[in-house]
Amino acid sequence: MKRKIFALVVLMTCFTLGVSAQYYVGGSVGFTSSKMDNGGADQDGTSYKILPEIGYQLDDQMSIGLQIGYSHGYAAFGSLTVTDLKAAMNTMVSTYADVYEDNMKLNSFTFAPYIRYNMLKLGKADIFVEGSVGYTNVKADGDPRNANRESKIDVIEIAVRPGVSYRFNESLSAIAKLGSLGYMNAKEKESDLKITRFGLDCDTYNIMLGLNFHF
């Protein structure tokens, strides 16, 4: 897997050397602090994520890039809104994972190259669609019931995401991705557990925000 990742990075770099490309860096960060009151016994915990991004804008319509990130805990993955059942369940599960972080430590590494195509330009804003193939390695040390249990999970995701970017000036732009249409396959190395999901999730409560700096 490491050799394939390295080969892909080299290929992307070589491809961009022969074109008039604009380099940009950016990404997103997340942090949550959770507290649970269970009959007077307060418990708390934290989680965070760091997702830097590097890319090349080949022309006015096409960009290629790579996102590499690290996450600790669970709540940094999910939504903080509780306006529907799915968001409420995400919040409950992620809070539970955070406050029991002494018994269950979750850490993950993500590698996700992508291709972005600008479909429509509206002044300083671009409406785009982005296709990505991502790999995530999740390591879970223990769980709330058994602190000695360890597991490693490999996750492959193929996703198409619509979004919008807004160029403030030559050096700075903001970006928002709204939901996704995709496929996910997750496999636990220590067992026969395998999860496969395919679905469409596109709503205003599933937005990824970030900033890009252009050079």
C-alpha atoms as a PDB file:
ATOM      1  CA  MET A   1       0.000   0.000   0.000  1.00  0.00           C
ATOM      2  CA  LYS A   2       2.803   2.461   0.889  1.00  0.00           C
ATOM      3  CA  ARG A   3       4.504   1.833  -2.481  1.00  0.00           C
ATOM      4  CA  LYS A   4       1.260   2.490  -4.330  1.00  0.00           C
ATOM      5  CA  ILE A   5       0.701   5.731  -2.419  1.00  0.00           C
ATOM      6  CA  PHE A   6       4.246   6.916  -3.168  1.00  0.00           C
ATOM      7  CA  ALA A   7       3.895   6.026  -6.857  1.00  0.00           C
ATOM      8  CA  LEU A   8       0.650   7.974  -7.094  1.00  0.00           C
ATOM      9  CA  VAL A   9       2.219  11.073  -5.529  1.00  0.00           C
ATOM     10  CA  VAL A  10       5.169  10.896  -7.965  1.00  0.00           C
ATOM     11  CA  LEU A  11       2.816  10.461 -10.915  1.00  0.00           C
ATOM     12  CA  MET A  12       0.726  13.473  -9.924  1.00  0.00           C
ATOM     13  CA  THR A  13       3.847  15.606  -9.458  1.00  0.00           C
ATOM     14  CA  CYS A  14       5.333  14.643 -12.820  1.00  0.00           C
ATOM     15  CA  PHE A  15       2.059  15.281 -14.615  1.00  0.00           C
ATOM     16  CA  THR A  16       1.839  18.829 -13.328  1.00  0.00           C
ATOM     17  CA  LEU A  17       5.398  19.760 -14.343  1.00  0.00           C
ATOM     18  CA  GLY A  18       4.427  19.920 -18.008  1.00  0.00           C
ATOM     19  CA  VAL A  19       1.446  22.245 -17.659  1.00  0.00           C
ATOM     20  CA  SER A  20       0.856  25.813 -16.581  1.00  0.00           C
ATOM     21  CA  ALA A  21      -0.458  25.040 -13.125  1.00  0.00           C
ATOM     22  CA  GLN A  22      -1.121  27.080 -10.013  1.00  0.00           C
ATOM     23  CA  TYR A  23      -0.124  25.513  -6.733  1.00  0.00           C
ATOM     24  CA  TYR A  24      -2.351  25.788  -3.657  1.00  0.00           C
ATOM     25  CA  VAL A  25      -2.390  24.494  -0.101  1.00  0.00           C
ATOM     26  CA  GLY A  26      -5.230  24.413   2.366  1.00  0.00           C
ATOM     27  CA  GLY A  27      -7.352  22.011   4.350  1.00  0.00           C
ATOM     28  CA  SER A  28      -9.589  21.893   7.372  1.00  0.00           C
ATOM     29  CA  VAL A  29      -9.388  21.268  11.099  1.00  0.00           C
ATOM     30  CA  GLY A  30     -11.927  20.169  13.677  1.00  0.00           C
ATOM     31  CA  PHE A  31     -12.134  19.964  17.461  1.00  0.00           C
ATOM     32  CA  THR A  32     -14.836  18.865  19.900  1.00  0.00           C
ATOM     33  CA  SER A  33     -15.073  18.728  23.668  1.00  0.00           C
ATOM     34  CA  SER A  34     -17.779  16.433  25.052  1.00  0.00           C
ATOM     35  CA  LYS A  35     -19.259  16.086  28.527  1.00  0.00           C
ATOM     36  CA  MET A  36     -21.768  13.538  29.789  1.00  0.00           C
ATOM     37  CA  ASP A  37     -23.665  13.670  33.094  1.00  0.00           C
ATOM     38  CA  ASN A  38     -24.619  10.137  34.067  1.00  0.00           C
ATOM     39  CA  GLY A  39     -26.556  10.421  37.312  1.00  0.00           C
ATOM     40  CA  GLY A  40     -24.225  12.976  38.863  1.00  0.00           C
ATOM     41  CA  ALA A  41     -21.015  11.298  37.671  1.00  0.00           C
ATOM     42  CA  ASP A  42     -19.605  13.724  35.098  1.00  0.00           C
ATOM     43  CA  GLN A  43     -17.272  12.446  32.372  1.00  0.00           C
ATOM     44  CA  ASP A  44     -15.621  14.401  29.568  1.00  0.00           C
ATOM     45  CA  GLY A  45     -13.303  13.924  26.617  1.00  0.00           C
ATOM     46  CA  THR A  46     -12.043  15.503  23.398  1.00  0.00           C
ATOM     47  CA  SER A  47     -11.436  14.673  19.752  1.00  0.00           C
ATOM     48  CA  TYR A  48      -9.821  16.495  16.843  1.00  0.00           C
ATOM     49  CA  LYS A  49      -8.884  16.198  13.180  1.00  0.00           C
ATOM     50  CA  ILE A  50      -6.218  17.811  10.979  1.00  0.00           C
ATOM     51  CA  LEU A  51      -6.755  17.481   7.206  1.00  0.00           C
ATOM     52  CA  PRO A  52      -4.158  19.405   5.150  1.00  0.00           C
ATOM     53  CA  GLU A  53      -4.580  19.570   1.375  1.00  0.00           C
ATOM     54  CA  ILE A  54      -2.237  20.248  -1.537  1.00  0.00           C
ATOM     55  CA  GLY A  55      -3.241  20.697  -5.165  1.00  0.00           C
ATOM     56  CA  TYR A  56      -2.607  22.091  -8.617  1.00  0.00           C
ATOM     57  CA  GLN A  57      -5.062  24.166 -10.621  1.00  0.00           C
ATOM     58  CA  LEU A  58      -4.329  23.067 -14.168  1.00  0.00           C
ATOM     59  CA  ASP A  59      -6.624  25.616 -15.796  1.00  0.00           C
ATOM     60  CA  ASP A  60      -9.869  27.498 -15.104  1.00  0.00           C
ATOM     61  CA  GLN A  61     -11.852  24.256 -14.957  1.00  0.00           C
ATOM     62  CA  MET A  62      -9.638  21.425 -13.757  1.00  0.00           C
ATOM     63  CA  SER A  63      -7.684  20.813 -10.541  1.00  0.00           C
ATOM     64  CA  ILE A  64      -5.994  17.768  -9.062  1.00  0.00           C
ATOM     65  CA  GLY A  65      -5.028  17.415  -5.447  1.00  0.00           C
ATOM     66  CA  LEU A  66      -4.280  15.278  -2.443  1.00  0.00           C
ATOM     67  CA  GLN A  67      -5.644  15.346   1.089  1.00  0.00           C
ATOM     68  CA  ILE A  68      -3.714  13.670   3.908  1.00  0.00           C
ATOM     69  CA  GLY A  69      -5.042  13.792   7.426  1.00  0.00           C
ATOM     70  CA  TYR A  70      -4.980  12.566  10.987  1.00  0.00           C
ATOM     71  CA  SER A  71      -7.910  12.240  13.371  1.00  0.00           C
ATOM     72  CA  HIS A  72      -8.135  11.379  17.046  1.00  0.00           C
ATOM     73  CA  GLY A  73     -11.414  10.365  18.631  1.00  0.00           C
ATOM     74  CA  TYR A  74     -14.797  10.106  16.998  1.00  0.00           C
ATOM     75  CA  ALA A  75     -16.714  13.363  17.399  1.00  0.00           C
ATOM     76  CA  ALA A  76     -14.441  15.253  15.016  1.00  0.00           C
ATOM     77  CA  PHE A  77     -15.866  13.097  12.225  1.00  0.00           C
ATOM     78  CA  GLY A  78     -19.520  13.942  12.764  1.00  0.00           C
ATOM     79  CA  SER A  79     -22.025  16.762  12.900  1.00  0.00           C
ATOM     80  CA  LEU A  80     -22.808  18.816  15.989  1.00  0.00           C
ATOM     81  CA  THR A  81     -26.364  19.543  14.857  1.00  0.00           C
ATOM     82  CA  VAL A  82     -29.285  17.619  16.351  1.00  0.00           C
ATOM     83  CA  THR A  83     -32.019  18.703  13.944  1.00  0.00           C
ATOM     84  CA  ASP A  84     -32.742  15.205  12.664  1.00  0.00           C
ATOM     85  CA  LEU A  85     -32.458  11.614  13.897  1.00  0.00           C
ATOM     86  CA  LYS A  86     -29.242  10.808  12.040  1.00  0.00           C
ATOM     87  CA  ALA A  87     -27.438  13.864  13.409  1.00  0.00           C
ATOM     88  CA  ALA A  88     -28.752  13.151  16.905  1.00  0.00           C
ATOM     89  CA  MET A  89     -27.443   9.569  16.779  1.00  0.00           C
ATOM     90  CA  ASN A  90     -24.062  10.760  15.458  1.00  0.00           C
ATOM     91  CA  THR A  91     -23.799  13.209  18.337  1.00  0.00           C
ATOM     92  CA  MET A  92     -24.741  10.596  20.961  1.00  0.00           C
ATOM     93  CA  VAL A  93     -22.318   7.969  19.634  1.00  0.00           C
ATOM     94  CA  SER A  94     -19.448  10.437  19.198  1.00  0.00           C
ATOM     95  CA  THR A  95     -19.970  11.894  22.691  1.00  0.00           C
ATOM     96  CA  TYR A  96     -20.000   8.388  24.166  1.00  0.00           C
ATOM     97  CA  ALA A  97     -16.718   7.616  22.393  1.00  0.00           C
ATOM     98  CA  ASP A  98     -15.103  10.844  23.584  1.00  0.00           C
ATOM     99  CA  VAL A  99     -15.932  10.494  27.272  1.00  0.00           C
ATOM    100  CA  TYR A 100     -14.717   6.889  27.327  1.00  0.00           C
ATOM    101  CA  GLU A 101     -11.439   7.734  25.556  1.00  0.00           C
ATOM    102  CA  ASP A 102      -9.449   6.188  28.455  1.00  0.00           C
ATOM    103  CA  ASN A 103     -10.879   2.794  27.470  1.00  0.00           C
ATOM    104  CA  MET A 104     -11.238   3.380  23.733  1.00  0.00           C
ATOM    105  CA  LYS A 105      -8.642   5.388  21.810  1.00  0.00           C
ATOM    106  CA  LEU A 106      -9.480   5.997  18.147  1.00  0.00           C
ATOM    107  CA  ASN A 107      -6.802   7.224  15.737  1.00  0.00           C
ATOM    108  CA  SER A 108      -6.933   7.300  11.955  1.00  0.00           C
ATOM    109  CA  PHE A 109      -4.762   8.257   8.986  1.00  0.00           C
ATOM    110  CA  THR A 110      -6.378   9.304   5.697  1.00  0.00           C
ATOM    111  CA  PHE A 111      -4.983   9.521   2.158  1.00  0.00           C
ATOM    112  CA  ALA A 112      -7.340  10.810  -0.555  1.00  0.00           C
ATOM    113  CA  PRO A 113      -6.311  12.018  -4.044  1.00  0.00           C
ATOM    114  CA  TYR A 114      -9.004  13.832  -6.021  1.00  0.00           C
ATOM    115  CA  ILE A 115      -9.936  15.480  -9.321  1.00  0.00           C
ATOM    116  CA  ARG A 116     -12.072  18.637  -9.266  1.00  0.00           C
ATOM    117  CA  TYR A 117     -13.972  20.040 -12.236  1.00  0.00           C
ATOM    118  CA  ASN A 118     -15.528  23.531 -12.248  1.00  0.00           C
ATOM    119  CA  MET A 119     -18.901  23.274 -13.940  1.00  0.00           C
ATOM    120  CA  LEU A 120     -20.192  26.832 -13.621  1.00  0.00           C
ATOM    121  CA  LYS A 121     -18.650  30.233 -12.864  1.00  0.00           C
ATOM    122  CA  LEU A 122     -20.724  32.929 -11.131  1.00  0.00           C
ATOM    123  CA  GLY A 123     -18.554  35.988 -10.609  1.00  0.00           C
ATOM    124  CA  LYS A 124     -15.922  35.039  -8.025  1.00  0.00           C
ATOM    125  CA  ALA A 125     -17.686  31.762  -7.224  1.00  0.00           C
ATOM    126  CA  ASP A 126     -17.235  28.399  -8.954  1.00  0.00           C
ATOM    127  CA  ILE A 127     -19.694  25.494  -8.748  1.00  0.00           C
ATOM    128  CA  PHE A 128     -17.722  22.257  -8.977  1.00  0.00           C
ATOM    129  CA  VAL A 129     -17.934  18.490  -8.718  1.00  0.00           C
ATOM    130  CA  GLU A 130     -15.120  16.499  -7.118  1.00  0.00           C
ATOM    131  CA  GLY A 131     -14.282  12.823  -7.485  1.00  0.00           C
ATOM    132  CA  SER A 132     -11.968  11.135  -4.984  1.00  0.00           C
ATOM    133  CA  VAL A 133     -10.639   7.719  -3.997  1.00  0.00           C
ATOM    134  CA  GLY A 134      -9.682   7.621  -0.343  1.00  0.00           C
ATOM    135  CA  TYR A 135      -7.920   5.192   1.976  1.00  0.00           C
ATOM    136  CA  THR A 136      -8.228   5.420   5.767  1.00  0.00           C
ATOM    137  CA  ASN A 137      -6.500   3.279   8.360  1.00  0.00           C
ATOM    138  CA  VAL A 138      -8.300   3.306  11.710  1.00  0.00           C
ATOM    139  CA  LYS A 139      -6.711   1.971  14.888  1.00  0.00           C
ATOM    140  CA  ALA A 140      -8.914   1.363  17.925  1.00  0.00           C
ATOM    141  CA  ASP A 141      -7.194   0.577  21.206  1.00  0.00           C
ATOM    142  CA  GLY A 142      -9.867  -0.963  23.420  1.00  0.00           C
ATOM    143  CA  ASP A 143     -13.594  -0.273  23.628  1.00  0.00           C
ATOM    144  CA  PRO A 144     -15.892   0.911  26.465  1.00  0.00           C
ATOM    145  CA  ARG A 145     -16.356  -2.669  27.681  1.00  0.00           C
ATOM    146  CA  ASN A 146     -12.841  -4.038  27.186  1.00  0.00           C
ATOM    147  CA  ALA A 147      -9.824  -1.720  27.478  1.00  0.00           C
ATOM    148  CA  ASN A 148      -7.462  -4.501  26.315  1.00  0.00           C
ATOM    149  CA  ARG A 149      -9.108  -5.071  22.938  1.00  0.00           C
ATOM    150  CA  GLU A 150      -7.261  -3.734  19.880  1.00  0.00           C
ATOM    151  CA  SER A 151      -8.405  -3.604  16.273  1.00  0.00           C
ATOM    152  CA  LYS A 152      -7.271  -2.146  12.957  1.00  0.00           C
ATOM    153  CA  ILE A 153      -9.695  -1.258  10.184  1.00  0.00           C
ATOM    154  CA  ASP A 154      -8.900  -0.499   6.541  1.00  0.00           C
ATOM    155  CA  VAL A 155     -11.448   1.703   4.774  1.00  0.00           C
ATOM    156  CA  ILE A 156     -11.689   2.356   1.031  1.00  0.00           C
ATOM    157  CA  GLU A 157     -14.033   5.100  -0.159  1.00  0.00           C
ATOM    158  CA  ILE A 158     -15.007   6.250  -3.651  1.00  0.00           C
ATOM    159  CA  ALA A 159     -17.015   9.456  -3.600  1.00  0.00           C
ATOM    160  CA  VAL A 160     -18.375  12.235  -5.789  1.00  0.00           C
ATOM    161  CA  ARG A 161     -19.020  15.527  -3.996  1.00  0.00           C
ATOM    162  CA  PRO A 162     -20.610  18.744  -5.260  1.00  0.00           C
ATOM    163  CA  GLY A 163     -19.312  21.999  -3.891  1.00  0.00           C
ATOM    164  CA  VAL A 164     -18.651  25.695  -4.300  1.00  0.00           C
ATOM    165  CA  SER A 165     -15.474  27.778  -4.038  1.00  0.00           C
ATOM    166  CA  TYR A 166     -15.199  31.539  -3.641  1.00  0.00           C
ATOM    167  CA  ARG A 167     -12.064  33.457  -4.629  1.00  0.00           C
ATOM    168  CA  PHE A 168     -11.479  36.439  -2.332  1.00  0.00           C
ATOM    169  CA  ASN A 169      -8.316  37.504  -4.156  1.00  0.00           C
ATOM    170  CA  GLU A 170      -5.341  36.008  -6.005  1.00  0.00           C
ATOM    171  CA  SER A 171      -4.045  34.344  -2.850  1.00  0.00           C
ATOM    172  CA  LEU A 172      -7.075  33.169  -0.869  1.00  0.00           C
ATOM    173  CA  SER A 173     -10.242  31.202  -1.558  1.00  0.00           C
ATOM    174  CA  ALA A 174     -12.878  29.474   0.562  1.00  0.00           C
ATOM    175  CA  ILE A 175     -14.347  26.105  -0.304  1.00  0.00           C
ATOM    176  CA  ALA A 176     -17.445  24.167   0.781  1.00  0.00           C
ATOM    177  CA  LYS A 177     -18.383  20.586  -0.121  1.00  0.00           C
ATOM    178  CA  LEU A 178     -21.989  19.500   0.288  1.00  0.00           C
ATOM    179  CA  GLY A 179     -22.596  15.818   1.030  1.00  0.00           C
ATOM    180  CA  SER A 180     -21.542  12.973  -1.238  1.00  0.00           C
ATOM    181  CA  LEU A 181     -22.554  10.134  -3.523  1.00  0.00           C
ATOM    182  CA  GLY A 182     -20.280   7.229  -2.827  1.00  0.00           C
ATOM    183  CA  TYR A 183     -19.214   3.707  -1.940  1.00  0.00           C
ATOM    184  CA  MET A 184     -17.357   2.567   1.184  1.00  0.00           C
ATOM    185  CA  ASN A 185     -15.747  -0.750   2.097  1.00  0.00           C
ATOM    186  CA  ALA A 186     -14.376  -1.315   5.612  1.00  0.00           C
ATOM    187  CA  LYS A 187     -12.559  -4.456   6.785  1.00  0.00           C
ATOM    188  CA  GLU A 188     -11.295  -5.293  10.281  1.00  0.00           C
ATOM    189  CA  LYS A 189      -7.945  -7.067  10.054  1.00  0.00           C
ATOM    190  CA  GLU A 190      -8.343  -9.144  13.231  1.00  0.00           C
ATOM    191  CA  SER A 191     -11.698 -10.671  12.266  1.00  0.00           C
ATOM    192  CA  ASP A 192     -14.034 -11.467   9.381  1.00  0.00           C
ATOM    193  CA  LEU A 193     -16.006  -8.259   9.956  1.00  0.00           C
ATOM    194  CA  LYS A 194     -16.627  -6.420   6.697  1.00  0.00           C
ATOM    195  CA  ILE A 195     -18.907  -3.444   6.064  1.00  0.00           C
ATOM    196  CA  THR A 196     -20.012  -2.240   2.636  1.00  0.00           C
ATOM    197  CA  ARG A 197     -22.090   0.900   2.112  1.00  0.00           C
ATOM    198  CA  PHE A 198     -23.380   2.767  -0.916  1.00  0.00           C
ATOM    199  CA  GLY A 199     -25.527   5.851  -0.723  1.00  0.00           C
ATOM    200  CA  LEU A 200     -26.392   9.451  -1.390  1.00  0.00           C
ATOM    201  CA  ASP A 201     -26.079  11.952   1.461  1.00  0.00           C
ATOM    202  CA  CYS A 202     -26.602  15.530   0.371  1.00  0.00           C
ATOM    203  CA  ASP A 203     -28.046  18.015   2.850  1.00  0.00           C
ATOM    204  CA  THR A 204     -27.168  21.307   4.490  1.00  0.00           C
ATOM    205  CA  TYR A 205     -26.134  19.545   7.706  1.00  0.00           C
ATOM    206  CA  ASN A 206     -23.298  17.665   5.989  1.00  0.00           C
ATOM    207  CA  ILE A 207     -20.961  20.444   4.835  1.00  0.00           C
ATOM    208  CA  MET A 208     -17.136  20.361   4.723  1.00  0.00           C
ATOM    209  CA  LEU A 209     -15.521  23.819   4.919  1.00  0.00           C
ATOM    210  CA  GLY A 210     -11.939  24.870   4.244  1.00  0.00           C
ATOM    211  CA  LEU A 211      -9.548  27.571   3.035  1.00  0.00           C
ATOM    212  CA  ASN A 212      -7.024  27.396   0.185  1.00  0.00           C
ATOM    213  CA  PHE A 213      -3.914  29.587  -0.207  1.00  0.00           C
ATOM    214  CA  HIS A 214      -2.721  30.025  -3.816  1.00  0.00           C
ATOM    215  CA  PHE A 215       0.864  30.570  -4.977  1.00  0.00           C
END
